[in-house]
Amino acid sequence: MSDKALTQEQVAEVRKEFDFFDNDHNGMIDLGEFIELLTVLSPKTKVNAVQEAFEMIDENADGHIDFNEFLNWWQQGWWEY
């Protein structure tokens, strides 16, 4: 997690991004949704890197990225993928 906490407004913006890619609106991003997300945010990302990134972000290894996991990733620098 970043040393600098996000404001409520910034968290709300991240939530909007999360909700946009949560296509089935179940409160989690699955691998398919994550592939779509990275295709939009970082089109040059290689397929094998997507799977590795997904597994790293999915801290509890439940096969989904919840909002807290997504927020941590966003703060750490999603643009590095």
PDB file of N, CA and C in Angstrom:
ATOM      1  N   MET A   1       0.830  -1.171   0.000  1.00  0.00           N
ATOM      2  CA  MET A   1       0.000   0.000   0.000  1.00  0.00           C
ATOM      3  C   MET A   1       0.877   1.236   0.000  1.00  0.00           C
ATOM      4  N   SER A   2       0.422   2.245  -0.632  1.00  0.00           N
ATOM      5  CA  SER A   2       1.163   3.487  -0.718  1.00  0.00           C
ATOM      6  C   SER A   2       1.236   4.158   0.643  1.00  0.00           C
ATOM      7  N   ASP A   3       2.325   4.905   0.853  1.00  0.00           N
ATOM      8  CA  ASP A   3       2.464   5.646   2.107  1.00  0.00           C
ATOM      9  C   ASP A   3       1.437   6.760   2.199  1.00  0.00           C
ATOM     10  N   LYS A   4       1.021   7.283   1.071  1.00  0.00           N
ATOM     11  CA  LYS A   4       0.069   8.379   1.040  1.00  0.00           C
ATOM     12  C   LYS A   4      -1.338   7.831   0.852  1.00  0.00           C
ATOM     13  N   ALA A   5      -2.202   8.086   1.805  1.00  0.00           N
ATOM     14  CA  ALA A   5      -3.579   7.600   1.729  1.00  0.00           C
ATOM     15  C   ALA A   5      -4.348   8.406   0.683  1.00  0.00           C
ATOM     16  N   LEU A   6      -5.229   7.734   0.006  1.00  0.00           N
ATOM     17  CA  LEU A   6      -6.078   8.405  -0.971  1.00  0.00           C
ATOM     18  C   LEU A   6      -7.199   9.152  -0.260  1.00  0.00           C
ATOM     19  N   THR A   7      -7.647  10.227  -0.866  1.00  0.00           N
ATOM     20  CA  THR A   7      -8.801  10.951  -0.340  1.00  0.00           C
ATOM     21  C   THR A   7     -10.054  10.139  -0.674  1.00  0.00           C
ATOM     22  N   GLN A   8     -11.155  10.481  -0.033  1.00  0.00           N
ATOM     23  CA  GLN A   8     -12.422   9.806  -0.327  1.00  0.00           C
ATOM     24  C   GLN A   8     -12.807   9.997  -1.790  1.00  0.00           C
ATOM     25  N   GLU A   9     -12.503  11.162  -2.321  1.00  0.00           N
ATOM     26  CA  GLU A   9     -12.805  11.451  -3.721  1.00  0.00           C
ATOM     27  C   GLU A   9     -11.981  10.550  -4.656  1.00  0.00           C
ATOM     28  N   GLN A  10     -10.715  10.361  -4.332  1.00  0.00           N
ATOM     29  CA  GLN A  10      -9.856   9.495  -5.140  1.00  0.00           C
ATOM     30  C   GLN A  10     -10.319   8.043  -5.060  1.00  0.00           C
ATOM     31  N   VAL A  11     -10.685   7.595  -3.875  1.00  0.00           N
ATOM     32  CA  VAL A  11     -11.197   6.227  -3.713  1.00  0.00           C
ATOM     33  C   VAL A  11     -12.476   6.060  -4.527  1.00  0.00           C
ATOM     34  N   ALA A  12     -13.336   7.078  -4.541  1.00  0.00           N
ATOM     35  CA  ALA A  12     -14.573   7.018  -5.323  1.00  0.00           C
ATOM     36  C   ALA A  12     -14.261   6.900  -6.817  1.00  0.00           C
ATOM     37  N   GLU A  13     -13.222   7.581  -7.280  1.00  0.00           N
ATOM     38  CA  GLU A  13     -12.822   7.484  -8.680  1.00  0.00           C
ATOM     39  C   GLU A  13     -12.314   6.073  -9.012  1.00  0.00           C
ATOM     40  N   VAL A  14     -11.518   5.511  -8.107  1.00  0.00           N
ATOM     41  CA  VAL A  14     -11.027   4.145  -8.306  1.00  0.00           C
ATOM     42  C   VAL A  14     -12.204   3.174  -8.306  1.00  0.00           C
ATOM     43  N   ARG A  15     -13.171   3.402  -7.436  1.00  0.00           N
ATOM     44  CA  ARG A  15     -14.371   2.555  -7.375  1.00  0.00           C
ATOM     45  C   ARG A  15     -15.116   2.586  -8.707  1.00  0.00           C
ATOM     46  N   LYS A  16     -15.194   3.764  -9.323  1.00  0.00           N
ATOM     47  CA  LYS A  16     -15.860   3.869 -10.620  1.00  0.00           C
ATOM     48  C   LYS A  16     -15.137   3.027 -11.669  1.00  0.00           C
ATOM     49  N   GLU A  17     -13.810   3.053 -11.649  1.00  0.00           N
ATOM     50  CA  GLU A  17     -13.036   2.233 -12.582  1.00  0.00           C
ATOM     51  C   GLU A  17     -13.295   0.742 -12.317  1.00  0.00           C
ATOM     52  N   PHE A  18     -13.271   0.358 -11.051  1.00  0.00           N
ATOM     53  CA  PHE A  18     -13.516  -1.029 -10.670  1.00  0.00           C
ATOM     54  C   PHE A  18     -14.899  -1.480 -11.146  1.00  0.00           C
ATOM     55  N   ASP A  19     -15.903  -0.676 -10.843  1.00  0.00           N
ATOM     56  CA  ASP A  19     -17.272  -1.026 -11.214  1.00  0.00           C
ATOM     57  C   ASP A  19     -17.456  -1.110 -12.731  1.00  0.00           C
ATOM     58  N   PHE A  20     -16.748  -0.271 -13.472  1.00  0.00           N
ATOM     59  CA  PHE A  20     -16.840  -0.287 -14.928  1.00  0.00           C
ATOM     60  C   PHE A  20     -16.389  -1.638 -15.490  1.00  0.00           C
ATOM     61  N   PHE A  21     -15.322  -2.192 -14.923  1.00  0.00           N
ATOM     62  CA  PHE A  21     -14.784  -3.452 -15.423  1.00  0.00           C
ATOM     63  C   PHE A  21     -15.410  -4.680 -14.768  1.00  0.00           C
ATOM     64  N   ASP A  22     -16.172  -4.489 -13.719  1.00  0.00           N
ATOM     65  CA  ASP A  22     -16.905  -5.590 -13.085  1.00  0.00           C
ATOM     66  C   ASP A  22     -18.186  -5.817 -13.875  1.00  0.00           C
ATOM     67  N   ASN A  23     -18.027  -6.457 -15.033  1.00  0.00           N
ATOM     68  CA  ASN A  23     -19.123  -6.587 -15.991  1.00  0.00           C
ATOM     69  C   ASN A  23     -20.355  -7.300 -15.452  1.00  0.00           C
ATOM     70  N   ASP A  24     -20.164  -8.284 -14.596  1.00  0.00           N
ATOM     71  CA  ASP A  24     -21.313  -9.017 -14.067  1.00  0.00           C
ATOM     72  C   ASP A  24     -21.812  -8.433 -12.746  1.00  0.00           C
ATOM     73  N   HIS A  25     -21.201  -7.353 -12.302  1.00  0.00           N
ATOM     74  CA  HIS A  25     -21.628  -6.603 -11.106  1.00  0.00           C
ATOM     75  C   HIS A  25     -21.730  -7.470  -9.851  1.00  0.00           C
ATOM     76  N   ASN A  26     -20.765  -8.388  -9.715  1.00  0.00           N
ATOM     77  CA  ASN A  26     -20.774  -9.237  -8.521  1.00  0.00           C
ATOM     78  C   ASN A  26     -19.815  -8.736  -7.437  1.00  0.00           C
ATOM     79  N   GLY A  27     -19.225  -7.566  -7.651  1.00  0.00           N
ATOM     80  CA  GLY A  27     -18.327  -6.993  -6.655  1.00  0.00           C
ATOM     81  C   GLY A  27     -16.910  -7.537  -6.722  1.00  0.00           C
ATOM     82  N   MET A  28     -16.612  -8.291  -7.786  1.00  0.00           N
ATOM     83  CA  MET A  28     -15.280  -8.870  -7.954  1.00  0.00           C
ATOM     84  C   MET A  28     -14.910  -8.836  -9.431  1.00  0.00           C
ATOM     85  N   ILE A  29     -13.616  -8.798  -9.697  1.00  0.00           N
ATOM     86  CA  ILE A  29     -13.132  -8.855 -11.064  1.00  0.00           C
ATOM     87  C   ILE A  29     -12.498 -10.228 -11.274  1.00  0.00           C
ATOM     88  N   ASP A  30     -13.030 -10.962 -12.246  1.00  0.00           N
ATOM     89  CA  ASP A  30     -12.456 -12.271 -12.546  1.00  0.00           C
ATOM     90  C   ASP A  30     -11.376 -12.107 -13.618  1.00  0.00           C
ATOM     91  N   LEU A  31     -10.755 -13.189 -13.999  1.00  0.00           N
ATOM     92  CA  LEU A  31      -9.638 -13.116 -14.941  1.00  0.00           C
ATOM     93  C   LEU A  31     -10.064 -12.513 -16.278  1.00  0.00           C
ATOM     94  N   GLY A  32     -11.214 -12.904 -16.791  1.00  0.00           N
ATOM     95  CA  GLY A  32     -11.700 -12.350 -18.057  1.00  0.00           C
ATOM     96  C   GLY A  32     -11.884 -10.845 -17.991  1.00  0.00           C
ATOM     97  N   GLU A  33     -12.471 -10.380 -16.910  1.00  0.00           N
ATOM     98  CA  GLU A  33     -12.670  -8.938 -16.726  1.00  0.00           C
ATOM     99  C   GLU A  33     -11.325  -8.230 -16.569  1.00  0.00           C
ATOM    100  N   PHE A  34     -10.381  -8.895 -15.902  1.00  0.00           N
ATOM    101  CA  PHE A  34      -9.064  -8.306 -15.706  1.00  0.00           C
ATOM    102  C   PHE A  34      -8.320  -8.195 -17.036  1.00  0.00           C
ATOM    103  N   ILE A  35      -8.462  -9.195 -17.885  1.00  0.00           N
ATOM    104  CA  ILE A  35      -7.843  -9.135 -19.210  1.00  0.00           C
ATOM    105  C   ILE A  35      -8.389  -7.933 -19.974  1.00  0.00           C
ATOM    106  N   GLU A  36      -9.697  -7.741 -19.910  1.00  0.00           N
ATOM    107  CA  GLU A  36     -10.318  -6.587 -20.568  1.00  0.00           C
ATOM    108  C   GLU A  36      -9.778  -5.285 -19.986  1.00  0.00           C
ATOM    109  N   LEU A  37      -9.674  -5.228 -18.670  1.00  0.00           N
ATOM    110  CA  LEU A  37      -9.169  -4.042 -17.989  1.00  0.00           C
ATOM    111  C   LEU A  37      -7.758  -3.704 -18.463  1.00  0.00           C
ATOM    112  N   LEU A  38      -6.859  -4.675 -18.470  1.00  0.00           N
ATOM    113  CA  LEU A  38      -5.482  -4.404 -18.878  1.00  0.00           C
ATOM    114  C   LEU A  38      -5.384  -4.121 -20.373  1.00  0.00           C
ATOM    115  N   THR A  39      -6.274  -4.693 -21.170  1.00  0.00           N
ATOM    116  CA  THR A  39      -6.284  -4.400 -22.596  1.00  0.00           C
ATOM    117  C   THR A  39      -6.576  -2.917 -22.830  1.00  0.00           C
ATOM    118  N   VAL A  40      -7.435  -2.362 -22.001  1.00  0.00           N
ATOM    119  CA  VAL A  40      -7.770  -0.945 -22.110  1.00  0.00           C
ATOM    120  C   VAL A  40      -6.682  -0.072 -21.486  1.00  0.00           C
ATOM    121  N   LEU A  41      -6.259  -0.396 -20.276  1.00  0.00           N
ATOM    122  CA  LEU A  41      -5.315   0.455 -19.546  1.00  0.00           C
ATOM    123  C   LEU A  41      -3.878   0.322 -20.033  1.00  0.00           C
ATOM    124  N   SER A  42      -3.504  -0.855 -20.462  1.00  0.00           N
ATOM    125  CA  SER A  42      -2.120  -1.116 -20.858  1.00  0.00           C
ATOM    126  C   SER A  42      -2.096  -2.097 -22.032  1.00  0.00           C
ATOM    127  N   PRO A  43      -2.440  -1.613 -23.243  1.00  0.00           N
ATOM    128  CA  PRO A  43      -2.601  -2.508 -24.384  1.00  0.00           C
ATOM    129  C   PRO A  43      -1.363  -3.321 -24.760  1.00  0.00           C
ATOM    130  N   LYS A  44      -0.199  -2.910 -24.358  1.00  0.00           N
ATOM    131  CA  LYS A  44       1.028  -3.625 -24.718  1.00  0.00           C
ATOM    132  C   LYS A  44       1.368  -4.763 -23.758  1.00  0.00           C
ATOM    133  N   THR A  45       0.533  -4.967 -22.748  1.00  0.00           N
ATOM    134  CA  THR A  45       0.779  -6.021 -21.774  1.00  0.00           C
ATOM    135  C   THR A  45       0.686  -7.392 -22.441  1.00  0.00           C
ATOM    136  N   LYS A  46       1.634  -8.236 -22.164  1.00  0.00           N
ATOM    137  CA  LYS A  46       1.671  -9.584 -22.735  1.00  0.00           C
ATOM    138  C   LYS A  46       0.717 -10.500 -21.964  1.00  0.00           C
ATOM    139  N   VAL A  47       0.155 -11.483 -22.662  1.00  0.00           N
ATOM    140  CA  VAL A  47      -0.848 -12.379 -22.082  1.00  0.00           C
ATOM    141  C   VAL A  47      -0.325 -13.087 -20.830  1.00  0.00           C
ATOM    142  N   ASN A  48       0.900 -13.603 -20.868  1.00  0.00           N
ATOM    143  CA  ASN A  48       1.406 -14.308 -19.692  1.00  0.00           C
ATOM    144  C   ASN A  48       1.591 -13.361 -18.517  1.00  0.00           C
ATOM    145  N   ALA A  49       1.866 -12.096 -18.783  1.00  0.00           N
ATOM    146  CA  ALA A  49       2.007 -11.114 -17.707  1.00  0.00           C
ATOM    147  C   ALA A  49       0.660 -10.830 -17.048  1.00  0.00           C
ATOM    148  N   VAL A  50      -0.406 -10.924 -17.825  1.00  0.00           N
ATOM    149  CA  VAL A  50      -1.749 -10.691 -17.277  1.00  0.00           C
ATOM    150  C   VAL A  50      -2.069 -11.740 -16.219  1.00  0.00           C
ATOM    151  N   GLN A  51      -1.827 -13.002 -16.526  1.00  0.00           N
ATOM    152  CA  GLN A  51      -2.097 -14.082 -15.574  1.00  0.00           C
ATOM    153  C   GLN A  51      -1.252 -13.914 -14.312  1.00  0.00           C
ATOM    154  N   GLU A  52       0.021 -13.607 -14.481  1.00  0.00           N
ATOM    155  CA  GLU A  52       0.909 -13.403 -13.330  1.00  0.00           C
ATOM    156  C   GLU A  52       0.440 -12.227 -12.482  1.00  0.00           C
ATOM    157  N   ALA A  53       0.064 -11.134 -13.141  1.00  0.00           N
ATOM    158  CA  ALA A  53      -0.412  -9.956 -12.416  1.00  0.00           C
ATOM    159  C   ALA A  53      -1.691 -10.275 -11.650  1.00  0.00           C
ATOM    160  N   PHE A  54      -2.600 -10.984 -12.307  1.00  0.00           N
ATOM    161  CA  PHE A  54      -3.862 -11.346 -11.669  1.00  0.00           C
ATOM    162  C   PHE A  54      -3.602 -12.150 -10.392  1.00  0.00           C
ATOM    163  N   GLU A  55      -2.739 -13.144 -10.496  1.00  0.00           N
ATOM    164  CA  GLU A  55      -2.439 -13.987  -9.338  1.00  0.00           C
ATOM    165  C   GLU A  55      -1.772 -13.185  -8.222  1.00  0.00           C
ATOM    166  N   MET A  56      -0.943 -12.219  -8.579  1.00  0.00           N
ATOM    167  CA  MET A  56      -0.281 -11.395  -7.575  1.00  0.00           C
ATOM    168  C   MET A  56      -1.281 -10.464  -6.877  1.00  0.00           C
ATOM    169  N   ILE A  57      -2.183  -9.884  -7.648  1.00  0.00           N
ATOM    170  CA  ILE A  57      -3.167  -8.945  -7.096  1.00  0.00           C
ATOM    171  C   ILE A  57      -4.194  -9.672  -6.240  1.00  0.00           C
ATOM    172  N   ASP A  58      -4.549 -10.887  -6.636  1.00  0.00           N
ATOM    173  CA  ASP A  58      -5.524 -11.706  -5.909  1.00  0.00           C
ATOM    174  C   ASP A  58      -4.844 -12.256  -4.647  1.00  0.00           C
ATOM    175  N   GLU A  59      -4.688 -11.398  -3.658  1.00  0.00           N
ATOM    176  CA  GLU A  59      -3.909 -11.706  -2.457  1.00  0.00           C
ATOM    177  C   GLU A  59      -4.409 -12.925  -1.691  1.00  0.00           C
ATOM    178  N   ASN A  60      -5.715 -13.147  -1.670  1.00  0.00           N
ATOM    179  CA  ASN A  60      -6.249 -14.291  -0.929  1.00  0.00           C
ATOM    180  C   ASN A  60      -6.448 -15.525  -1.810  1.00  0.00           C
ATOM    181  N   ALA A  61      -6.029 -15.431  -3.065  1.00  0.00           N
ATOM    182  CA  ALA A  61      -6.045 -16.565  -4.009  1.00  0.00           C
ATOM    183  C   ALA A  61      -7.422 -17.217  -4.151  1.00  0.00           C
ATOM    184  N   ASP A  62      -8.475 -16.387  -4.172  1.00  0.00           N
ATOM    185  CA  ASP A  62      -9.822 -16.941  -4.337  1.00  0.00           C
ATOM    186  C   ASP A  62     -10.298 -16.926  -5.789  1.00  0.00           C
ATOM    187  N   GLY A  63      -9.426 -16.504  -6.701  1.00  0.00           N
ATOM    188  CA  GLY A  63      -9.783 -16.493  -8.108  1.00  0.00           C
ATOM    189  C   GLY A  63     -10.481 -15.236  -8.572  1.00  0.00           C
ATOM    190  N   HIS A  64     -10.568 -14.242  -7.691  1.00  0.00           N
ATOM    191  CA  HIS A  64     -11.203 -12.963  -8.009  1.00  0.00           C
ATOM    192  C   HIS A  64     -10.410 -11.834  -7.364  1.00  0.00           C
ATOM    193  N   ILE A  65     -10.530 -10.660  -7.941  1.00  0.00           N
ATOM    194  CA  ILE A  65      -9.945  -9.472  -7.329  1.00  0.00           C
ATOM    195  C   ILE A  65     -11.087  -8.664  -6.738  1.00  0.00           C
ATOM    196  N   ASP A  66     -11.078  -8.508  -5.417  1.00  0.00           N
ATOM    197  CA  ASP A  66     -12.115  -7.692  -4.784  1.00  0.00           C
ATOM    198  C   ASP A  66     -11.663  -6.231  -4.791  1.00  0.00           C
ATOM    199  N   PHE A  67     -12.517  -5.343  -4.329  1.00  0.00           N
ATOM    200  CA  PHE A  67     -12.192  -3.923  -4.417  1.00  0.00           C
ATOM    201  C   PHE A  67     -10.952  -3.558  -3.609  1.00  0.00           C
ATOM    202  N   ASN A  68     -10.791  -4.118  -2.426  1.00  0.00           N
ATOM    203  CA  ASN A  68      -9.614  -3.786  -1.615  1.00  0.00           C
ATOM    204  C   ASN A  68      -8.320  -4.232  -2.295  1.00  0.00           C
ATOM    205  N   GLU A  69      -8.328  -5.401  -2.904  1.00  0.00           N
ATOM    206  CA  GLU A  69      -7.154  -5.873  -3.646  1.00  0.00           C
ATOM    207  C   GLU A  69      -6.884  -4.952  -4.840  1.00  0.00           C
ATOM    208  N   PHE A  70      -7.952  -4.560  -5.517  1.00  0.00           N
ATOM    209  CA  PHE A  70      -7.839  -3.664  -6.671  1.00  0.00           C
ATOM    210  C   PHE A  70      -7.287  -2.308  -6.241  1.00  0.00           C
ATOM    211  N   LEU A  71      -7.799  -1.792  -5.134  1.00  0.00           N
ATOM    212  CA  LEU A  71      -7.351  -0.495  -4.628  1.00  0.00           C
ATOM    213  C   LEU A  71      -5.867  -0.539  -4.264  1.00  0.00           C
ATOM    214  N   ASN A  72      -5.445  -1.607  -3.620  1.00  0.00           N
ATOM    215  CA  ASN A  72      -4.022  -1.750  -3.290  1.00  0.00           C
ATOM    216  C   ASN A  72      -3.181  -1.747  -4.562  1.00  0.00           C
ATOM    217  N   TRP A  73      -3.602  -2.498  -5.562  1.00  0.00           N
ATOM    218  CA  TRP A  73      -2.889  -2.562  -6.837  1.00  0.00           C
ATOM    219  C   TRP A  73      -2.844  -1.192  -7.506  1.00  0.00           C
ATOM    220  N   TRP A  74      -3.956  -0.509  -7.487  1.00  0.00           N
ATOM    221  CA  TRP A  74      -4.053   0.807  -8.119  1.00  0.00           C
ATOM    222  C   TRP A  74      -3.066   1.777  -7.460  1.00  0.00           C
ATOM    223  N   GLN A  75      -2.994   1.735  -6.138  1.00  0.00           N
ATOM    224  CA  GLN A  75      -2.098   2.619  -5.402  1.00  0.00           C
ATOM    225  C   GLN A  75      -0.633   2.268  -5.635  1.00  0.00           C
ATOM    226  N   GLN A  76      -0.354   1.005  -5.863  1.00  0.00           N
ATOM    227  CA  GLN A  76       1.031   0.563  -6.045  1.00  0.00           C
ATOM    228  C   GLN A  76       1.542   0.848  -7.444  1.00  0.00           C
ATOM    229  N   GLY A  77       0.660   1.164  -8.376  1.00  0.00           N
ATOM    230  CA  GLY A  77       1.099   1.521  -9.706  1.00  0.00           C
ATOM    231  C   GLY A  77       0.698   0.555 -10.790  1.00  0.00           C
ATOM    232  N   TRP A  78      -0.572   0.528 -11.137  1.00  0.00           N
ATOM    233  CA  TRP A  78      -1.066  -0.371 -12.178  1.00  0.00           C
ATOM    234  C   TRP A  78      -0.351  -0.145 -13.504  1.00  0.00           C
ATOM    235  N   TRP A  79       0.137   1.060 -13.741  1.00  0.00           N
ATOM    236  CA  TRP A  79       0.751   1.402 -15.027  1.00  0.00           C
ATOM    237  C   TRP A  79       2.051   0.647 -15.290  1.00  0.00           C
ATOM    238  N   GLU A  80       2.557  -0.058 -14.291  1.00  0.00           N
ATOM    239  CA  GLU A  80       3.768  -0.839 -14.477  1.00  0.00           C
ATOM    240  C   GLU A  80       3.510  -2.154 -15.210  1.00  0.00           C
ATOM    241  N   TYR A  81       2.263  -2.470 -15.487  1.00  0.00           N
ATOM    242  CA  TYR A  81       1.918  -3.734 -16.139  1.00  0.00           C
ATOM    243  C   TYR A  81       1.841  -3.509 -17.605  1.00  0.00           C
TER     244      TYR A  81
END
